[in-house]
């Protein structure tokens, strides 16, 4: 699953992001572009350790391997 948060949307707080990814959050060093806009990729910090499945949506669309749910935040974390 991918959750996309645009700049005009209500920004998620830490607990909301942790709820979506199912644990501690980590900002990936990769940024992705959608329609020319840059997004930070937020994932579960322990996704690989906890044997979460590969996020096929992120892999197919952006070529990034992440485990579990991901959040894309336009303009990055604030």
C-alpha atoms as a PDB file:
ATOM      1  CA  UNK A   1       0.000   0.000   0.000  1.00  0.00           C
ATOM      2  CA  UNK A   2       1.120   3.535  -0.745  1.00  0.00           C
ATOM      3  CA  UNK A   3      -0.307   6.545   1.093  1.00  0.00           C
ATOM      4  CA  UNK A   4       0.301   9.831  -0.745  1.00  0.00           C
ATOM      5  CA  UNK A   5       0.270  13.097   1.192  1.00  0.00           C
ATOM      6  CA  UNK A   6       0.240  16.221  -0.972  1.00  0.00           C
ATOM      7  CA  UNK A   7       1.362  19.617   0.345  1.00  0.00           C
ATOM      8  CA  UNK A   8      -2.226  20.885   0.416  1.00  0.00           C
ATOM      9  CA  UNK A   9      -3.375  17.877   2.498  1.00  0.00           C
ATOM     10  CA  UNK A  10      -3.405  17.735   6.288  1.00  0.00           C
ATOM     11  CA  UNK A  11       0.085  16.644   7.281  1.00  0.00           C
ATOM     12  CA  UNK A  12       0.426  13.425   9.240  1.00  0.00           C
ATOM     13  CA  UNK A  13       1.842  13.420  12.753  1.00  0.00           C
ATOM     14  CA  UNK A  14       4.308  10.817  14.001  1.00  0.00           C
ATOM     15  CA  UNK A  15       1.673   8.489  15.479  1.00  0.00           C
ATOM     16  CA  UNK A  16      -0.353   8.567  12.250  1.00  0.00           C
ATOM     17  CA  UNK A  17       2.722   7.719  10.162  1.00  0.00           C
ATOM     18  CA  UNK A  18       3.672   4.903  12.553  1.00  0.00           C
ATOM     19  CA  UNK A  19       0.148   3.533  12.312  1.00  0.00           C
ATOM     20  CA  UNK A  20       0.282   3.485   8.507  1.00  0.00           C
ATOM     21  CA  UNK A  21       3.684   1.769   8.263  1.00  0.00           C
ATOM     22  CA  UNK A  22       3.117  -0.460  11.293  1.00  0.00           C
ATOM     23  CA  UNK A  23       6.071   0.593  13.433  1.00  0.00           C
ATOM     24  CA  UNK A  24       8.966   3.009  13.711  1.00  0.00           C
ATOM     25  CA  UNK A  25       9.338   5.246  10.684  1.00  0.00           C
ATOM     26  CA  UNK A  26      12.373   5.795   8.515  1.00  0.00           C
ATOM     27  CA  UNK A  27      12.886   8.318   5.727  1.00  0.00           C
ATOM     28  CA  UNK A  28      14.475   6.610   2.761  1.00  0.00           C
ATOM     29  CA  UNK A  29      17.327   8.470   1.042  1.00  0.00           C
ATOM     30  CA  UNK A  30      15.409   8.050  -2.237  1.00  0.00           C
ATOM     31  CA  UNK A  31      13.039  10.771  -3.396  1.00  0.00           C
ATOM     32  CA  UNK A  32      10.428   9.986  -6.006  1.00  0.00           C
ATOM     33  CA  UNK A  33       8.886  12.286  -8.598  1.00  0.00           C
ATOM     34  CA  UNK A  34       5.216  12.388  -9.500  1.00  0.00           C
ATOM     35  CA  UNK A  35       4.148  14.932 -12.113  1.00  0.00           C
ATOM     36  CA  UNK A  36       7.403  16.834 -11.547  1.00  0.00           C
ATOM     37  CA  UNK A  37       6.889  17.078  -7.768  1.00  0.00           C
ATOM     38  CA  UNK A  38       9.350  15.550  -5.295  1.00  0.00           C
ATOM     39  CA  UNK A  39       8.168  13.202  -2.523  1.00  0.00           C
ATOM     40  CA  UNK A  40       9.990  11.768   0.485  1.00  0.00           C
ATOM     41  CA  UNK A  41       9.545   8.026   0.980  1.00  0.00           C
ATOM     42  CA  UNK A  42       8.640   7.021   4.546  1.00  0.00           C
ATOM     43  CA  UNK A  43       8.716   3.322   5.489  1.00  0.00           C
ATOM     44  CA  UNK A  44       8.827   0.976   8.470  1.00  0.00           C
ATOM     45  CA  UNK A  45      12.361   1.140   9.860  1.00  0.00           C
ATOM     46  CA  UNK A  46      12.277  -2.566  10.705  1.00  0.00           C
ATOM     47  CA  UNK A  47      10.368  -3.787   7.657  1.00  0.00           C
ATOM     48  CA  UNK A  48      13.104  -6.160   6.493  1.00  0.00           C
ATOM     49  CA  UNK A  49      13.870  -7.439  10.023  1.00  0.00           C
ATOM     50  CA  UNK A  50      10.151  -8.080  10.634  1.00  0.00           C
ATOM     51  CA  UNK A  51       9.808  -9.951   7.323  1.00  0.00           C
ATOM     52  CA  UNK A  52       7.251  -7.541   5.879  1.00  0.00           C
ATOM     53  CA  UNK A  53       6.468  -8.232   2.222  1.00  0.00           C
ATOM     54  CA  UNK A  54       8.118  -6.223  -0.540  1.00  0.00           C
ATOM     55  CA  UNK A  55       5.934  -3.291  -1.503  1.00  0.00           C
ATOM     56  CA  UNK A  56       5.282  -4.234  -5.131  1.00  0.00           C
ATOM     57  CA  UNK A  57       3.584  -0.879  -5.874  1.00  0.00           C
ATOM     58  CA  UNK A  58       6.710   1.126  -4.957  1.00  0.00           C
ATOM     59  CA  UNK A  59       8.966  -1.346  -6.750  1.00  0.00           C
ATOM     60  CA  UNK A  60       6.879  -1.326  -9.949  1.00  0.00           C
ATOM     61  CA  UNK A  61       6.308   2.437 -10.089  1.00  0.00           C
ATOM     62  CA  UNK A  62       9.642   3.780  -8.804  1.00  0.00           C
ATOM     63  CA  UNK A  63      12.148   0.911  -8.784  1.00  0.00           C
ATOM     64  CA  UNK A  64      12.728   1.188  -5.018  1.00  0.00           C
ATOM     65  CA  UNK A  65      12.712  -1.891  -2.809  1.00  0.00           C
ATOM     66  CA  UNK A  66      10.898  -1.289   0.481  1.00  0.00           C
ATOM     67  CA  UNK A  67       9.200  -3.687   2.842  1.00  0.00           C
ATOM     68  CA  UNK A  68       5.638  -3.048   3.989  1.00  0.00           C
ATOM     69  CA  UNK A  69       3.488   0.040   3.585  1.00  0.00           C
ATOM     70  CA  UNK A  70       4.975   3.320   2.400  1.00  0.00           C
ATOM     71  CA  UNK A  71       4.049   6.981   2.673  1.00  0.00           C
ATOM     72  CA  UNK A  72       4.977   9.514   0.001  1.00  0.00           C
ATOM     73  CA  UNK A  73       5.102  13.071   1.346  1.00  0.00           C
ATOM     74  CA  UNK A  74       5.187  15.897  -1.202  1.00  0.00           C
ATOM     75  CA  UNK A  75       7.925  18.397  -0.408  1.00  0.00           C
ATOM     76  CA  UNK A  76       9.347  16.147   2.314  1.00  0.00           C
ATOM     77  CA  UNK A  77       8.942  15.887   6.061  1.00  0.00           C
ATOM     78  CA  UNK A  78       8.347  19.181   7.809  1.00  0.00           C
END
